Amino acid sequence: MSLLPPQEITLYLLSFATGLFILASIFYFIRVVKGPSLPDIVLAVDTLSYDLAVFIVLFSLLCNSPLLAVGALPLVLWAYLLDMYVSKYLVKRELGD
């Protein structure tokens, strides 16, 4: 019985994880389109953007290019700003301001 080299095992695991993230992104996108309320849509966009950031990092690992992972940082910051903006909007709407 021969063992696979570590690089090949890593490639298989990253490929499997990439497939899972793509499948999850499809489900998140469906929730964005069919979301029943604004908080549901915001949560779906939030998880979709974080999922896309992780996918970018996984892709940078697959391509052996650390510069690709830098692109995930603005995406994560954008998702955080979206959360802050929507939460302020929802709080003001509840207070009636």
PDB file of N, CA and C in Angstrom:
ATOM      1  N   MET A   1       0.842  -1.175   0.000  1.00  0.00           N
ATOM      2  CA  MET A   1       0.000   0.000   0.000  1.00  0.00           C
ATOM      3  C   MET A   1       0.891   1.242   0.000  1.00  0.00           C
ATOM      4  N   SER A   2       0.729   2.059  -1.008  1.00  0.00           N
ATOM      5  CA  SER A   2       1.547   3.265  -1.100  1.00  0.00           C
ATOM      6  C   SER A   2       0.712   4.483  -0.695  1.00  0.00           C
ATOM      7  N   LEU A   3       1.341   5.352   0.036  1.00  0.00           N
ATOM      8  CA  LEU A   3       0.681   6.576   0.467  1.00  0.00           C
ATOM      9  C   LEU A   3       0.880   7.661  -0.571  1.00  0.00           C
ATOM     10  N   LEU A   4      -0.086   8.538  -0.653  1.00  0.00           N
ATOM     11  CA  LEU A   4       0.021   9.668  -1.564  1.00  0.00           C
ATOM     12  C   LEU A   4       0.970  10.705  -0.980  1.00  0.00           C
ATOM     13  N   PRO A   5       1.662  11.421  -1.838  1.00  0.00           N
ATOM     14  CA  PRO A   5       2.519  12.503  -1.323  1.00  0.00           C
ATOM     15  C   PRO A   5       1.662  13.623  -0.720  1.00  0.00           C
ATOM     16  N   PRO A   6       2.220  14.360   0.225  1.00  0.00           N
ATOM     17  CA  PRO A   6       1.437  15.418   0.893  1.00  0.00           C
ATOM     18  C   PRO A   6       0.888  16.474  -0.064  1.00  0.00           C
ATOM     19  N   GLN A   7       1.623  16.790  -1.117  1.00  0.00           N
ATOM     20  CA  GLN A   7       1.138  17.799  -2.065  1.00  0.00           C
ATOM     21  C   GLN A   7      -0.125  17.314  -2.774  1.00  0.00           C
ATOM     22  N   GLU A   8      -0.170  16.030  -3.082  1.00  0.00           N
ATOM     23  CA  GLU A   8      -1.337  15.495  -3.776  1.00  0.00           C
ATOM     24  C   GLU A   8      -2.547  15.420  -2.842  1.00  0.00           C
ATOM     25  N   ILE A   9      -2.308  15.070  -1.597  1.00  0.00           N
ATOM     26  CA  ILE A   9      -3.398  15.050  -0.613  1.00  0.00           C
ATOM     27  C   ILE A   9      -3.950  16.462  -0.419  1.00  0.00           C
ATOM     28  N   THR A  10      -3.053  17.434  -0.334  1.00  0.00           N
ATOM     29  CA  THR A  10      -3.480  18.828  -0.191  1.00  0.00           C
ATOM     30  C   THR A  10      -4.296  19.269  -1.392  1.00  0.00           C
ATOM     31  N   LEU A  11      -3.880  18.886  -2.582  1.00  0.00           N
ATOM     32  CA  LEU A  11      -4.612  19.242  -3.794  1.00  0.00           C
ATOM     33  C   LEU A  11      -6.011  18.640  -3.779  1.00  0.00           C
ATOM     34  N   TYR A  12      -6.141  17.391  -3.383  1.00  0.00           N
ATOM     35  CA  TYR A  12      -7.454  16.756  -3.310  1.00  0.00           C
ATOM     36  C   TYR A  12      -8.354  17.444  -2.278  1.00  0.00           C
ATOM     37  N   LEU A  13      -7.793  17.742  -1.116  1.00  0.00           N
ATOM     38  CA  LEU A  13      -8.588  18.389  -0.071  1.00  0.00           C
ATOM     39  C   LEU A  13      -9.027  19.796  -0.477  1.00  0.00           C
ATOM     40  N   LEU A  14      -8.119  20.547  -1.103  1.00  0.00           N
ATOM     41  CA  LEU A  14      -8.482  21.893  -1.550  1.00  0.00           C
ATOM     42  C   LEU A  14      -9.524  21.842  -2.662  1.00  0.00           C
ATOM     43  N   SER A  15      -9.412  20.873  -3.543  1.00  0.00           N
ATOM     44  CA  SER A  15     -10.407  20.725  -4.609  1.00  0.00           C
ATOM     45  C   SER A  15     -11.774  20.378  -4.028  1.00  0.00           C
ATOM     46  N   PHE A  16     -11.800  19.493  -3.044  1.00  0.00           N
ATOM     47  CA  PHE A  16     -13.057  19.127  -2.391  1.00  0.00           C
ATOM     48  C   PHE A  16     -13.663  20.326  -1.661  1.00  0.00           C
ATOM     49  N   ALA A  17     -12.836  21.065  -0.936  1.00  0.00           N
ATOM     50  CA  ALA A  17     -13.324  22.242  -0.210  1.00  0.00           C
ATOM     51  C   ALA A  17     -13.833  23.308  -1.175  1.00  0.00           C
ATOM     52  N   THR A  18     -13.170  23.458  -2.310  1.00  0.00           N
ATOM     53  CA  THR A  18     -13.614  24.424  -3.308  1.00  0.00           C
ATOM     54  C   THR A  18     -14.987  24.052  -3.840  1.00  0.00           C
ATOM     55  N   GLY A  19     -15.196  22.777  -4.089  1.00  0.00           N
ATOM     56  CA  GLY A  19     -16.514  22.325  -4.537  1.00  0.00           C
ATOM     57  C   GLY A  19     -17.599  22.592  -3.508  1.00  0.00           C
ATOM     58  N   LEU A  20     -17.281  22.372  -2.241  1.00  0.00           N
ATOM     59  CA  LEU A  20     -18.256  22.656  -1.181  1.00  0.00           C
ATOM     60  C   LEU A  20     -18.584  24.146  -1.100  1.00  0.00           C
ATOM     61  N   PHE A  21     -17.575  24.993  -1.249  1.00  0.00           N
ATOM     62  CA  PHE A  21     -17.821  26.434  -1.189  1.00  0.00           C
ATOM     63  C   PHE A  21     -18.636  26.906  -2.385  1.00  0.00           C
ATOM     64  N   ILE A  22     -18.424  26.313  -3.543  1.00  0.00           N
ATOM     65  CA  ILE A  22     -19.230  26.681  -4.708  1.00  0.00           C
ATOM     66  C   ILE A  22     -20.682  26.259  -4.504  1.00  0.00           C
ATOM     67  N   LEU A  23     -20.893  25.067  -3.964  1.00  0.00           N
ATOM     68  CA  LEU A  23     -22.251  24.600  -3.684  1.00  0.00           C
ATOM     69  C   LEU A  23     -22.934  25.498  -2.652  1.00  0.00           C
ATOM     70  N   ALA A  24     -22.219  25.868  -1.615  1.00  0.00           N
ATOM     71  CA  ALA A  24     -22.788  26.763  -0.602  1.00  0.00           C
ATOM     72  C   ALA A  24     -23.108  28.128  -1.200  1.00  0.00           C
ATOM     73  N   SER A  25     -22.264  28.612  -2.104  1.00  0.00           N
ATOM     74  CA  SER A  25     -22.510  29.907  -2.741  1.00  0.00           C
ATOM     75  C   SER A  25     -23.789  29.883  -3.567  1.00  0.00           C
ATOM     76  N   ILE A  26     -24.058  28.761  -4.201  1.00  0.00           N
ATOM     77  CA  ILE A  26     -25.301  28.639  -4.972  1.00  0.00           C
ATOM     78  C   ILE A  26     -26.508  28.747  -4.045  1.00  0.00           C
ATOM     79  N   PHE A  27     -26.443  28.068  -2.897  1.00  0.00           N
ATOM     80  CA  PHE A  27     -27.547  28.151  -1.939  1.00  0.00           C
ATOM     81  C   PHE A  27     -27.703  29.565  -1.379  1.00  0.00           C
ATOM     82  N   TYR A  28     -26.607  30.240  -1.112  1.00  0.00           N
ATOM     83  CA  TYR A  28     -26.676  31.620  -0.613  1.00  0.00           C
ATOM     84  C   TYR A  28     -27.286  32.544  -1.661  1.00  0.00           C
ATOM     85  N   PHE A  29     -26.922  32.342  -2.917  1.00  0.00           N
ATOM     86  CA  PHE A  29     -27.462  33.184  -3.982  1.00  0.00           C
ATOM     87  C   PHE A  29     -28.967  32.976  -4.120  1.00  0.00           C
ATOM     88  N   ILE A  30     -29.414  31.734  -3.979  1.00  0.00           N
ATOM     89  CA  ILE A  30     -30.854  31.471  -4.019  1.00  0.00           C
ATOM     90  C   ILE A  30     -31.552  32.205  -2.879  1.00  0.00           C
ATOM     91  N   ARG A  31     -30.936  32.232  -1.709  1.00  0.00           N
ATOM     92  CA  ARG A  31     -31.522  32.937  -0.566  1.00  0.00           C
ATOM     93  C   ARG A  31     -31.549  34.444  -0.813  1.00  0.00           C
ATOM     94  N   VAL A  32     -30.542  34.975  -1.506  1.00  0.00           N
ATOM     95  CA  VAL A  32     -30.543  36.407  -1.826  1.00  0.00           C
ATOM     96  C   VAL A  32     -31.718  36.734  -2.740  1.00  0.00           C
ATOM     97  N   VAL A  33     -31.971  35.883  -3.726  1.00  0.00           N
ATOM     98  CA  VAL A  33     -33.035  36.144  -4.687  1.00  0.00           C
ATOM     99  C   VAL A  33     -34.412  35.937  -4.059  1.00  0.00           C
ATOM    100  N   LYS A  34     -34.565  34.896  -3.248  1.00  0.00           N
ATOM    101  CA  LYS A  34     -35.880  34.549  -2.713  1.00  0.00           C
ATOM    102  C   LYS A  34     -36.064  34.944  -1.251  1.00  0.00           C
ATOM    103  N   GLY A  35     -35.166  35.763  -0.715  1.00  0.00           N
ATOM    104  CA  GLY A  35     -35.236  36.110   0.706  1.00  0.00           C
ATOM    105  C   GLY A  35     -36.561  36.749   1.071  1.00  0.00           C
ATOM    106  N   PRO A  36     -37.215  36.266   2.132  1.00  0.00           N
ATOM    107  CA  PRO A  36     -38.523  36.824   2.481  1.00  0.00           C
ATOM    108  C   PRO A  36     -38.454  38.204   3.136  1.00  0.00           C
ATOM    109  N   SER A  37     -37.346  38.534   3.779  1.00  0.00           N
ATOM    110  CA  SER A  37     -37.262  39.834   4.449  1.00  0.00           C
ATOM    111  C   SER A  37     -35.862  40.416   4.263  1.00  0.00           C
ATOM    112  N   LEU A  38     -35.743  41.686   4.604  1.00  0.00           N
ATOM    113  CA  LEU A  38     -34.460  42.372   4.446  1.00  0.00           C
ATOM    114  C   LEU A  38     -33.347  41.753   5.288  1.00  0.00           C
ATOM    115  N   PRO A  39     -33.576  41.406   6.555  1.00  0.00           N
ATOM    116  CA  PRO A  39     -32.489  40.769   7.315  1.00  0.00           C
ATOM    117  C   PRO A  39     -32.036  39.434   6.718  1.00  0.00           C
ATOM    118  N   ASP A  40     -32.973  38.667   6.147  1.00  0.00           N
ATOM    119  CA  ASP A  40     -32.585  37.417   5.498  1.00  0.00           C
ATOM    120  C   ASP A  40     -31.705  37.669   4.283  1.00  0.00           C
ATOM    121  N   ILE A  41     -32.040  38.672   3.512  1.00  0.00           N
ATOM    122  CA  ILE A  41     -31.250  38.997   2.323  1.00  0.00           C
ATOM    123  C   ILE A  41     -29.872  39.500   2.728  1.00  0.00           C
ATOM    124  N   VAL A  42     -29.815  40.336   3.752  1.00  0.00           N
ATOM    125  CA  VAL A  42     -28.522  40.855   4.216  1.00  0.00           C
ATOM    126  C   VAL A  42     -27.648  39.723   4.743  1.00  0.00           C
ATOM    127  N   LEU A  43     -28.245  38.813   5.488  1.00  0.00           N
ATOM    128  CA  LEU A  43     -27.489  37.670   5.991  1.00  0.00           C
ATOM    129  C   LEU A  43     -26.967  36.811   4.848  1.00  0.00           C
ATOM    130  N   ALA A  44     -27.775  36.622   3.811  1.00  0.00           N
ATOM    131  CA  ALA A  44     -27.336  35.826   2.669  1.00  0.00           C
ATOM    132  C   ALA A  44     -26.207  36.520   1.911  1.00  0.00           C
ATOM    133  N   VAL A  45     -26.312  37.829   1.717  1.00  0.00           N
ATOM    134  CA  VAL A  45     -25.235  38.565   1.041  1.00  0.00           C
ATOM    135  C   VAL A  45     -23.969  38.542   1.885  1.00  0.00           C
ATOM    136  N   ASP A  46     -24.141  38.656   3.186  1.00  0.00           N
ATOM    137  CA  ASP A  46     -23.006  38.624   4.102  1.00  0.00           C
ATOM    138  C   ASP A  46     -22.282  37.279   4.028  1.00  0.00           C
ATOM    139  N   THR A  47     -23.026  36.202   4.141  1.00  0.00           N
ATOM    140  CA  THR A  47     -22.393  34.881   4.083  1.00  0.00           C
ATOM    141  C   THR A  47     -21.839  34.593   2.698  1.00  0.00           C
ATOM    142  N   LEU A  48     -22.503  35.101   1.665  1.00  0.00           N
ATOM    143  CA  LEU A  48     -21.988  34.912   0.313  1.00  0.00           C
ATOM    144  C   LEU A  48     -20.653  35.622   0.129  1.00  0.00           C
ATOM    145  N   SER A  49     -20.527  36.824   0.675  1.00  0.00           N
ATOM    146  CA  SER A  49     -19.264  37.546   0.517  1.00  0.00           C
ATOM    147  C   SER A  49     -18.145  36.908   1.338  1.00  0.00           C
ATOM    148  N   TYR A  50     -18.452  36.442   2.552  1.00  0.00           N
ATOM    149  CA  TYR A  50     -17.429  35.740   3.329  1.00  0.00           C
ATOM    150  C   TYR A  50     -17.050  34.417   2.668  1.00  0.00           C
ATOM    151  N   ASP A  51     -18.038  33.745   2.103  1.00  0.00           N
ATOM    152  CA  ASP A  51     -17.778  32.493   1.397  1.00  0.00           C
ATOM    153  C   ASP A  51     -16.902  32.743   0.170  1.00  0.00           C
ATOM    154  N   LEU A  52     -17.172  33.826  -0.534  1.00  0.00           N
ATOM    155  CA  LEU A  52     -16.357  34.165  -1.694  1.00  0.00           C
ATOM    156  C   LEU A  52     -14.932  34.522  -1.286  1.00  0.00           C
ATOM    157  N   ALA A  53     -14.769  35.176  -0.157  1.00  0.00           N
ATOM    158  CA  ALA A  53     -13.426  35.498   0.331  1.00  0.00           C
ATOM    159  C   ALA A  53     -12.645  34.229   0.657  1.00  0.00           C
ATOM    160  N   VAL A  54     -13.303  33.268   1.291  1.00  0.00           N
ATOM    161  CA  VAL A  54     -12.631  31.993   1.580  1.00  0.00           C
ATOM    162  C   VAL A  54     -12.313  31.263   0.284  1.00  0.00           C
ATOM    163  N   PHE A  55     -13.214  31.335  -0.689  1.00  0.00           N
ATOM    164  CA  PHE A  55     -12.953  30.707  -1.985  1.00  0.00           C
ATOM    165  C   PHE A  55     -11.746  31.341  -2.672  1.00  0.00           C
ATOM    166  N   ILE A  56     -11.607  32.654  -2.570  1.00  0.00           N
ATOM    167  CA  ILE A  56     -10.447  33.329  -3.162  1.00  0.00           C
ATOM    168  C   ILE A  56      -9.160  32.853  -2.497  1.00  0.00           C
ATOM    169  N   VAL A  57      -9.182  32.703  -1.179  1.00  0.00           N
ATOM    170  CA  VAL A  57      -7.991  32.218  -0.469  1.00  0.00           C
ATOM    171  C   VAL A  57      -7.685  30.778  -0.866  1.00  0.00           C
ATOM    172  N   LEU A  58      -8.715  29.933  -0.976  1.00  0.00           N
ATOM    173  CA  LEU A  58      -8.490  28.551  -1.424  1.00  0.00           C
ATOM    174  C   LEU A  58      -7.921  28.519  -2.837  1.00  0.00           C
ATOM    175  N   PHE A  59      -8.438  29.382  -3.699  1.00  0.00           N
ATOM    176  CA  PHE A  59      -7.934  29.434  -5.069  1.00  0.00           C
ATOM    177  C   PHE A  59      -6.485  29.902  -5.103  1.00  0.00           C
ATOM    178  N   SER A  60      -6.141  30.832  -4.223  1.00  0.00           N
ATOM    179  CA  SER A  60      -4.745  31.281  -4.179  1.00  0.00           C
ATOM    180  C   SER A  60      -3.833  30.164  -3.689  1.00  0.00           C
ATOM    181  N   LEU A  61      -4.335  29.312  -2.787  1.00  0.00           N
ATOM    182  CA  LEU A  61      -3.547  28.156  -2.364  1.00  0.00           C
ATOM    183  C   LEU A  61      -3.381  27.150  -3.495  1.00  0.00           C
ATOM    184  N   LEU A  62      -4.448  26.945  -4.260  1.00  0.00           N
ATOM    185  CA  LEU A  62      -4.358  26.012  -5.384  1.00  0.00           C
ATOM    186  C   LEU A  62      -3.394  26.508  -6.454  1.00  0.00           C
ATOM    187  N   CYS A  63      -3.364  27.814  -6.667  1.00  0.00           N
ATOM    188  CA  CYS A  63      -2.500  28.395  -7.701  1.00  0.00           C
ATOM    189  C   CYS A  63      -1.111  28.739  -7.188  1.00  0.00           C
ATOM    190  N   ASN A  64      -0.857  28.539  -5.909  1.00  0.00           N
ATOM    191  CA  ASN A  64       0.425  28.906  -5.292  1.00  0.00           C
ATOM    192  C   ASN A  64       0.758  30.378  -5.517  1.00  0.00           C
ATOM    193  N   SER A  65      -0.253  31.226  -5.398  1.00  0.00           N
ATOM    194  CA  SER A  65      -0.070  32.657  -5.599  1.00  0.00           C
ATOM    195  C   SER A  65      -0.615  33.416  -4.387  1.00  0.00           C
ATOM    196  N   PRO A  66       0.252  33.842  -3.480  1.00  0.00           N
ATOM    197  CA  PRO A  66      -0.242  34.547  -2.288  1.00  0.00           C
ATOM    198  C   PRO A  66      -0.836  35.921  -2.596  1.00  0.00           C
ATOM    199  N   LEU A  67      -0.534  36.484  -3.748  1.00  0.00           N
ATOM    200  CA  LEU A  67      -1.088  37.799  -4.079  1.00  0.00           C
ATOM    201  C   LEU A  67      -2.588  37.749  -4.323  1.00  0.00           C
ATOM    202  N   LEU A  68      -3.110  36.599  -4.713  1.00  0.00           N
ATOM    203  CA  LEU A  68      -4.552  36.487  -4.908  1.00  0.00           C
ATOM    204  C   LEU A  68      -5.304  36.601  -3.587  1.00  0.00           C
ATOM    205  N   ALA A  69      -4.691  36.151  -2.516  1.00  0.00           N
ATOM    206  CA  ALA A  69      -5.356  36.188  -1.209  1.00  0.00           C
ATOM    207  C   ALA A  69      -5.552  37.614  -0.715  1.00  0.00           C
ATOM    208  N   VAL A  70      -4.769  38.549  -1.206  1.00  0.00           N
ATOM    209  CA  VAL A  70      -4.905  39.947  -0.791  1.00  0.00           C
ATOM    210  C   VAL A  70      -6.252  40.509  -1.252  1.00  0.00           C
ATOM    211  N   GLY A  71      -6.777  39.996  -2.353  1.00  0.00           N
ATOM    212  CA  GLY A  71      -8.069  40.460  -2.851  1.00  0.00           C
ATOM    213  C   GLY A  71      -9.238  40.099  -1.956  1.00  0.00           C
ATOM    214  N   ALA A  72      -9.048  39.137  -1.070  1.00  0.00           N
ATOM    215  CA  ALA A  72     -10.135  38.741  -0.171  1.00  0.00           C
ATOM    216  C   ALA A  72     -10.353  39.766   0.935  1.00  0.00           C
ATOM    217  N   LEU A  73      -9.332  40.501   1.288  1.00  0.00           N
ATOM    218  CA  LEU A  73      -9.445  41.463   2.388  1.00  0.00           C
ATOM    219  C   LEU A  73     -10.440  42.590   2.100  1.00  0.00           C
ATOM    220  N   PRO A  74     -10.393  43.258   0.941  1.00  0.00           N
ATOM    221  CA  PRO A  74     -11.411  44.291   0.685  1.00  0.00           C
ATOM    222  C   PRO A  74     -12.828  43.727   0.637  1.00  0.00           C
ATOM    223  N   LEU A  75     -12.963  42.493   0.181  1.00  0.00           N
ATOM    224  CA  LEU A  75     -14.286  41.879   0.137  1.00  0.00           C
ATOM    225  C   LEU A  75     -14.845  41.661   1.540  1.00  0.00           C
ATOM    226  N   VAL A  76     -14.006  41.208   2.453  1.00  0.00           N
ATOM    227  CA  VAL A  76     -14.441  41.004   3.837  1.00  0.00           C
ATOM    228  C   VAL A  76     -14.766  42.345   4.494  1.00  0.00           C
ATOM    229  N   LEU A  77     -13.967  43.359   4.221  1.00  0.00           N
ATOM    230  CA  LEU A  77     -14.250  44.686   4.781  1.00  0.00           C
ATOM    231  C   LEU A  77     -15.547  45.260   4.221  1.00  0.00           C
ATOM    232  N   TRP A  78     -15.811  45.010   2.946  1.00  0.00           N
ATOM    233  CA  TRP A  78     -17.058  45.461   2.339  1.00  0.00           C
ATOM    234  C   TRP A  78     -18.257  44.790   3.017  1.00  0.00           C
ATOM    235  N   ALA A  79     -18.149  43.505   3.296  1.00  0.00           N
ATOM    236  CA  ALA A  79     -19.240  42.794   3.966  1.00  0.00           C
ATOM    237  C   ALA A  79     -19.470  43.359   5.363  1.00  0.00           C
ATOM    238  N   TYR A  80     -18.401  43.685   6.050  1.00  0.00           N
ATOM    239  CA  TYR A  80     -18.531  44.271   7.388  1.00  0.00           C
ATOM    240  C   TYR A  80     -19.215  45.641   7.315  1.00  0.00           C
ATOM    241  N   LEU A  81     -18.823  46.460   6.349  1.00  0.00           N
ATOM    242  CA  LEU A  81     -19.462  47.771   6.197  1.00  0.00           C
ATOM    243  C   LEU A  81     -20.933  47.636   5.824  1.00  0.00           C
ATOM    244  N   LEU A  82     -21.259  46.644   5.014  1.00  0.00           N
ATOM    245  CA  LEU A  82     -22.657  46.396   4.678  1.00  0.00           C
ATOM    246  C   LEU A  82     -23.456  46.062   5.932  1.00  0.00           C
ATOM    247  N   ASP A  83     -22.891  45.243   6.794  1.00  0.00           N
ATOM    248  CA  ASP A  83     -23.574  44.897   8.043  1.00  0.00           C
ATOM    249  C   ASP A  83     -23.812  46.133   8.901  1.00  0.00           C
ATOM    250  N   MET A  84     -22.808  46.983   9.012  1.00  0.00           N
ATOM    251  CA  MET A  84     -22.950  48.184   9.829  1.00  0.00           C
ATOM    252  C   MET A  84     -24.010  49.124   9.254  1.00  0.00           C
ATOM    253  N   TYR A  85     -24.000  49.307   7.953  1.00  0.00           N
ATOM    254  CA  TYR A  85     -24.950  50.213   7.314  1.00  0.00           C
ATOM    255  C   TYR A  85     -26.383  49.704   7.470  1.00  0.00           C
ATOM    256  N   VAL A  86     -26.594  48.434   7.221  1.00  0.00           N
ATOM    257  CA  VAL A  86     -27.947  47.882   7.303  1.00  0.00           C
ATOM    258  C   VAL A  86     -28.433  47.849   8.745  1.00  0.00           C
ATOM    259  N   SER A  87     -27.555  47.555   9.683  1.00  0.00           N
ATOM    260  CA  SER A  87     -27.993  47.537  11.082  1.00  0.00           C
ATOM    261  C   SER A  87     -28.396  48.934  11.545  1.00  0.00           C
ATOM    262  N   LYS A  88     -27.663  49.959  11.117  1.00  0.00           N
ATOM    263  CA  LYS A  88     -28.062  51.330  11.460  1.00  0.00           C
ATOM    264  C   LYS A  88     -29.405  51.678  10.819  1.00  0.00           C
ATOM    265  N   TYR A  89     -29.599  51.234   9.584  1.00  0.00           N
ATOM    266  CA  TYR A  89     -30.865  51.493   8.897  1.00  0.00           C
ATOM    267  C   TYR A  89     -32.021  50.814   9.624  1.00  0.00           C
ATOM    268  N   LEU A  90     -31.835  49.566  10.022  1.00  0.00           N
ATOM    269  CA  LEU A  90     -32.910  48.843  10.697  1.00  0.00           C
ATOM    270  C   LEU A  90     -33.206  49.425  12.077  1.00  0.00           C
ATOM    271  N   VAL A  91     -32.190  49.875  12.788  1.00  0.00           N
ATOM    272  CA  VAL A  91     -32.414  50.480  14.101  1.00  0.00           C
ATOM    273  C   VAL A  91     -33.174  51.793  13.951  1.00  0.00           C
ATOM    274  N   LYS A  92     -32.809  52.616  12.980  1.00  0.00           N
ATOM    275  CA  LYS A  92     -33.518  53.879  12.773  1.00  0.00           C
ATOM    276  C   LYS A  92     -34.955  53.633  12.335  1.00  0.00           C
ATOM    277  N   ARG A  93     -35.169  52.583  11.552  1.00  0.00           N
ATOM    278  CA  ARG A  93     -36.520  52.276  11.098  1.00  0.00           C
ATOM    279  C   ARG A  93     -37.391  51.818  12.273  1.00  0.00           C
ATOM    280  N   GLU A  94     -36.800  51.064  13.204  1.00  0.00           N
ATOM    281  CA  GLU A  94     -37.563  50.612  14.373  1.00  0.00           C
ATOM    282  C   GLU A  94     -37.893  51.767  15.311  1.00  0.00           C
ATOM    283  N   LEU A  95     -36.975  52.725  15.430  1.00  0.00           N
ATOM    284  CA  LEU A  95     -37.201  53.861  16.324  1.00  0.00           C
ATOM    285  C   LEU A  95     -38.113  54.911  15.704  1.00  0.00           C
ATOM    286  N   GLY A  96     -38.286  54.877  14.397  1.00  0.00           N
ATOM    287  CA  GLY A  96     -39.152  55.830  13.730  1.00  0.00           C
ATOM    288  C   GLY A  96     -38.491  57.150  13.421  1.00  0.00           C
ATOM    289  N   ASP A  97     -37.168  57.180  13.386  1.00  0.00           N
ATOM    290  CA  ASP A  97     -36.452  58.429  13.085  1.00  0.00           C
ATOM    291  C   ASP A  97     -36.450  58.723  11.606  1.00  0.00           C
TER     292      ASP A  97
END
